[in-house]
Amino acid sequence: MAKLFHLQTYSSEKGSLTVFEKILPEGIRRIFYIYDAKNQVRGGHRHKLTNNALTCVSGSCKVFVDNGEEQQIFDLDTPDKCLLLDPRDWHEMYDFSDNAVLLVLSDQFYDKEDYIFERYPEKELHTGSKVTVR
């Protein structure tokens, strides 16, 4: 399942510096960012090989994650929160704030053959409620 953690951050009267180090098992091979997403749902896939690290460097968004066994929603609402996604994690990003910039670091180069667009069958959570993003 995806893991949420805080990135190492150094703060002083000059501002804050947040560091990405040793996060992805294969290193960083690709970096991209999503912005102007407004009321859109982004993602909607999982991978065969790619691990991703997501952080909102500005604004906020929510990330729905389903690994076929568990479902969880993560709030990325500070630039020091980082969500590490395993390849098997189906993910959808949504509820972007007006100023949201979602930074994504990948340990693989883009390969359309790595994407799986088939969602896991919907399951009930241990609370008995279903998580629905749309």
C-alpha atoms as a PDB file:
ATOM      1  CA  MET A   1       0.000   0.000   0.000  1.00  0.00           C
ATOM      2  CA  ALA A   2       1.069   3.567  -0.578  1.00  0.00           C
ATOM      3  CA  LYS A   3       3.047   5.253   2.197  1.00  0.00           C
ATOM      4  CA  LEU A   4       2.765   8.863   3.306  1.00  0.00           C
ATOM      5  CA  PHE A   5       5.759  10.442   4.989  1.00  0.00           C
ATOM      6  CA  HIS A   6       7.296  13.830   5.665  1.00  0.00           C
ATOM      7  CA  LEU A   7      10.271  14.932   3.614  1.00  0.00           C
ATOM      8  CA  GLN A   8      13.295  16.248   5.447  1.00  0.00           C
ATOM      9  CA  THR A   9      12.853  20.018   5.724  1.00  0.00           C
ATOM     10  CA  TYR A  10      15.220  22.691   6.975  1.00  0.00           C
ATOM     11  CA  SER A  11      13.649  25.989   8.043  1.00  0.00           C
ATOM     12  CA  SER A  12      15.212  29.280   9.071  1.00  0.00           C
ATOM     13  CA  GLU A  13      14.459  32.985   8.867  1.00  0.00           C
ATOM     14  CA  LYS A  14      15.492  32.720   5.178  1.00  0.00           C
ATOM     15  CA  GLY A  15      12.716  30.234   4.381  1.00  0.00           C
ATOM     16  CA  SER A  16      12.394  26.466   4.074  1.00  0.00           C
ATOM     17  CA  LEU A  17      14.280  23.911   2.002  1.00  0.00           C
ATOM     18  CA  THR A  18      12.782  20.446   1.521  1.00  0.00           C
ATOM     19  CA  VAL A  19      14.915  17.551   0.282  1.00  0.00           C
ATOM     20  CA  PHE A  20      14.088  14.522  -1.895  1.00  0.00           C
ATOM     21  CA  GLU A  21      16.767  11.900  -1.206  1.00  0.00           C
ATOM     22  CA  LYS A  22      16.765   8.111  -1.431  1.00  0.00           C
ATOM     23  CA  ILE A  23      13.000   7.956  -1.943  1.00  0.00           C
ATOM     24  CA  LEU A  24      12.629   5.796  -5.053  1.00  0.00           C
ATOM     25  CA  PRO A  25      14.308   2.357  -5.188  1.00  0.00           C
ATOM     26  CA  GLU A  26      15.684   2.827  -8.717  1.00  0.00           C
ATOM     27  CA  GLY A  27      16.520   6.521  -8.368  1.00  0.00           C
ATOM     28  CA  ILE A  28      14.765   9.334 -10.226  1.00  0.00           C
ATOM     29  CA  ARG A  29      14.470   8.951 -14.002  1.00  0.00           C
ATOM     30  CA  ARG A  30      11.491  11.188 -14.757  1.00  0.00           C
ATOM     31  CA  ILE A  31       9.993  14.318 -13.201  1.00  0.00           C
ATOM     32  CA  PHE A  32       6.733  15.988 -14.169  1.00  0.00           C
ATOM     33  CA  TYR A  33       4.140  18.209 -12.554  1.00  0.00           C
ATOM     34  CA  ILE A  34       0.397  18.708 -12.852  1.00  0.00           C
ATOM     35  CA  TYR A  35      -1.240  22.115 -12.520  1.00  0.00           C
ATOM     36  CA  ASP A  36      -4.411  23.916 -13.674  1.00  0.00           C
ATOM     37  CA  ALA A  37      -6.272  20.658 -12.974  1.00  0.00           C
ATOM     38  CA  LYS A  38      -9.273  22.504 -11.479  1.00  0.00           C
ATOM     39  CA  ASN A  39     -12.169  20.044 -11.036  1.00  0.00           C
ATOM     40  CA  GLN A  40     -10.546  17.211 -12.974  1.00  0.00           C
ATOM     41  CA  VAL A  41      -9.638  13.696 -11.855  1.00  0.00           C
ATOM     42  CA  ARG A  42      -6.099  12.803 -12.930  1.00  0.00           C
ATOM     43  CA  GLY A  43      -4.308   9.472 -12.900  1.00  0.00           C
ATOM     44  CA  GLY A  44      -6.755   6.600 -13.173  1.00  0.00           C
ATOM     45  CA  HIS A  45      -4.156   3.872 -13.626  1.00  0.00           C
ATOM     46  CA  ARG A  46      -1.530   1.698 -11.981  1.00  0.00           C
ATOM     47  CA  HIS A  47       1.797   0.417 -13.286  1.00  0.00           C
ATOM     48  CA  LYS A  48       3.695  -2.779 -13.944  1.00  0.00           C
ATOM     49  CA  LEU A  49       7.102  -1.409 -12.865  1.00  0.00           C
ATOM     50  CA  THR A  50       7.016   2.282 -12.008  1.00  0.00           C
ATOM     51  CA  ASN A  51       7.251   3.634  -8.461  1.00  0.00           C
ATOM     52  CA  ASN A  52       6.109   7.264  -8.066  1.00  0.00           C
ATOM     53  CA  ALA A  53       6.597   9.867  -5.357  1.00  0.00           C
ATOM     54  CA  LEU A  54       3.964  12.640  -5.228  1.00  0.00           C
ATOM     55  CA  THR A  55       4.028  15.940  -3.379  1.00  0.00           C
ATOM     56  CA  CYS A  56       1.974  19.118  -3.734  1.00  0.00           C
ATOM     57  CA  VAL A  57       4.623  21.827  -3.851  1.00  0.00           C
ATOM     58  CA  SER A  58       1.836  24.413  -3.943  1.00  0.00           C
ATOM     59  CA  GLY A  59      -1.781  24.142  -2.875  1.00  0.00           C
ATOM     60  CA  SER A  60      -3.368  20.781  -2.164  1.00  0.00           C
ATOM     61  CA  CYS A  61      -5.074  17.730  -3.618  1.00  0.00           C
ATOM     62  CA  LYS A  62      -6.389  14.351  -2.539  1.00  0.00           C
ATOM     63  CA  VAL A  63      -5.141  10.989  -3.791  1.00  0.00           C
ATOM     64  CA  PHE A  64      -7.324   7.884  -3.813  1.00  0.00           C
ATOM     65  CA  VAL A  65      -5.244   4.680  -3.719  1.00  0.00           C
ATOM     66  CA  ASP A  66      -6.406   1.082  -4.174  1.00  0.00           C
ATOM     67  CA  ASN A  67      -3.884  -1.774  -4.176  1.00  0.00           C
ATOM     68  CA  GLY A  68      -6.513  -4.477  -4.681  1.00  0.00           C
ATOM     69  CA  GLU A  69      -6.657  -5.233  -0.954  1.00  0.00           C
ATOM     70  CA  GLU A  70      -6.938  -1.821   0.711  1.00  0.00           C
ATOM     71  CA  GLN A  71      -8.342   1.551  -0.286  1.00  0.00           C
ATOM     72  CA  GLN A  72      -7.206   4.817   1.225  1.00  0.00           C
ATOM     73  CA  ILE A  73      -7.448   8.554   0.602  1.00  0.00           C
ATOM     74  CA  PHE A  74      -4.423  10.752   1.260  1.00  0.00           C
ATOM     75  CA  ASP A  75      -4.419  14.547   1.659  1.00  0.00           C
ATOM     76  CA  LEU A  76      -1.383  16.215   0.130  1.00  0.00           C
ATOM     77  CA  ASP A  77      -1.780  19.621   1.716  1.00  0.00           C
ATOM     78  CA  THR A  78       1.746  20.693   2.687  1.00  0.00           C
ATOM     79  CA  PRO A  79       4.895  20.641   0.527  1.00  0.00           C
ATOM     80  CA  ASP A  80       6.732  18.379   2.969  1.00  0.00           C
ATOM     81  CA  LYS A  81       4.213  15.514   2.612  1.00  0.00           C
ATOM     82  CA  CYS A  82       5.273  12.881   0.112  1.00  0.00           C
ATOM     83  CA  LEU A  83       3.165   9.940  -1.037  1.00  0.00           C
ATOM     84  CA  LEU A  84       5.134   6.956  -2.274  1.00  0.00           C
ATOM     85  CA  LEU A  85       3.126   4.779  -4.679  1.00  0.00           C
ATOM     86  CA  ASP A  86       4.007   1.168  -5.451  1.00  0.00           C
ATOM     87  CA  PRO A  87       3.452   0.048  -9.046  1.00  0.00           C
ATOM     88  CA  ARG A  88       0.347  -1.957  -8.044  1.00  0.00           C
ATOM     89  CA  ASP A  89      -1.329   1.122  -6.504  1.00  0.00           C
ATOM     90  CA  TRP A  90      -4.273   2.281  -8.604  1.00  0.00           C
ATOM     91  CA  HIS A  91      -4.343   6.033  -8.047  1.00  0.00           C
ATOM     92  CA  GLU A  92      -6.589   8.980  -8.813  1.00  0.00           C
ATOM     93  CA  MET A  93      -5.736  12.560  -7.912  1.00  0.00           C
ATOM     94  CA  TYR A  94      -8.634  14.977  -7.428  1.00  0.00           C
ATOM     95  CA  ASP A  95      -9.965  17.952  -5.445  1.00  0.00           C
ATOM     96  CA  PHE A  96      -7.112  20.184  -6.608  1.00  0.00           C
ATOM     97  CA  SER A  97      -7.002  23.636  -5.035  1.00  0.00           C
ATOM     98  CA  ASP A  98      -6.810  26.612  -7.413  1.00  0.00           C
ATOM     99  CA  ASN A  99      -3.066  27.010  -6.912  1.00  0.00           C
ATOM    100  CA  ALA A 100      -2.174  23.284  -6.793  1.00  0.00           C
ATOM    101  CA  VAL A 101       1.060  22.090  -8.357  1.00  0.00           C
ATOM    102  CA  LEU A 102       1.509  18.336  -7.943  1.00  0.00           C
ATOM    103  CA  LEU A 103       5.116  17.222  -8.446  1.00  0.00           C
ATOM    104  CA  VAL A 104       5.647  13.592  -9.471  1.00  0.00           C
ATOM    105  CA  LEU A 105       9.007  11.793  -9.437  1.00  0.00           C
ATOM    106  CA  SER A 106       9.244   8.413 -11.187  1.00  0.00           C
ATOM    107  CA  ASP A 107      11.924   5.752 -11.084  1.00  0.00           C
ATOM    108  CA  GLN A 108      11.219   4.733 -14.711  1.00  0.00           C
ATOM    109  CA  PHE A 109      11.109   6.584 -18.014  1.00  0.00           C
ATOM    110  CA  TYR A 110       7.685   6.916 -19.665  1.00  0.00           C
ATOM    111  CA  ASP A 111       6.588   3.682 -21.351  1.00  0.00           C
ATOM    112  CA  LYS A 112       2.955   3.320 -22.426  1.00  0.00           C
ATOM    113  CA  GLU A 113       3.292  -0.477 -21.987  1.00  0.00           C
ATOM    114  CA  ASP A 114       3.886   0.061 -18.235  1.00  0.00           C
ATOM    115  CA  TYR A 115       0.379   1.501 -17.683  1.00  0.00           C
ATOM    116  CA  ILE A 116      -2.575  -0.621 -16.521  1.00  0.00           C
ATOM    117  CA  PHE A 117      -5.904   1.165 -16.961  1.00  0.00           C
ATOM    118  CA  GLU A 118      -8.037  -1.633 -15.526  1.00  0.00           C
ATOM    119  CA  ARG A 119      -9.212  -0.782 -12.033  1.00  0.00           C
ATOM    120  CA  TYR A 120      -9.409  -3.387  -9.280  1.00  0.00           C
ATOM    121  CA  PRO A 121     -12.937  -4.639  -8.521  1.00  0.00           C
ATOM    122  CA  GLU A 122     -14.625  -2.357  -5.977  1.00  0.00           C
ATOM    123  CA  LYS A 123     -14.476  -3.726  -2.446  1.00  0.00           C
ATOM    124  CA  GLU A 124     -16.013  -2.759   0.831  1.00  0.00           C
ATOM    125  CA  LEU A 125     -13.613  -1.341   3.369  1.00  0.00           C
ATOM    126  CA  HIS A 126     -13.262  -2.842   6.830  1.00  0.00           C
ATOM    127  CA  THR A 127     -15.560  -0.036   8.032  1.00  0.00           C
ATOM    128  CA  GLY A 128     -18.270  -1.383   5.738  1.00  0.00           C
ATOM    129  CA  SER A 129     -18.330   1.756   3.599  1.00  0.00           C
ATOM    130  CA  LYS A 130     -17.183   2.097   0.014  1.00  0.00           C
ATOM    131  CA  VAL A 131     -14.751   4.762  -1.130  1.00  0.00           C
ATOM    132  CA  THR A 132     -15.958   6.569  -4.228  1.00  0.00           C
ATOM    133  CA  VAL A 133     -13.961   9.340  -5.844  1.00  0.00           C
ATOM    134  CA  ARG A 134     -16.142  10.330  -8.785  1.00  0.00           C
END
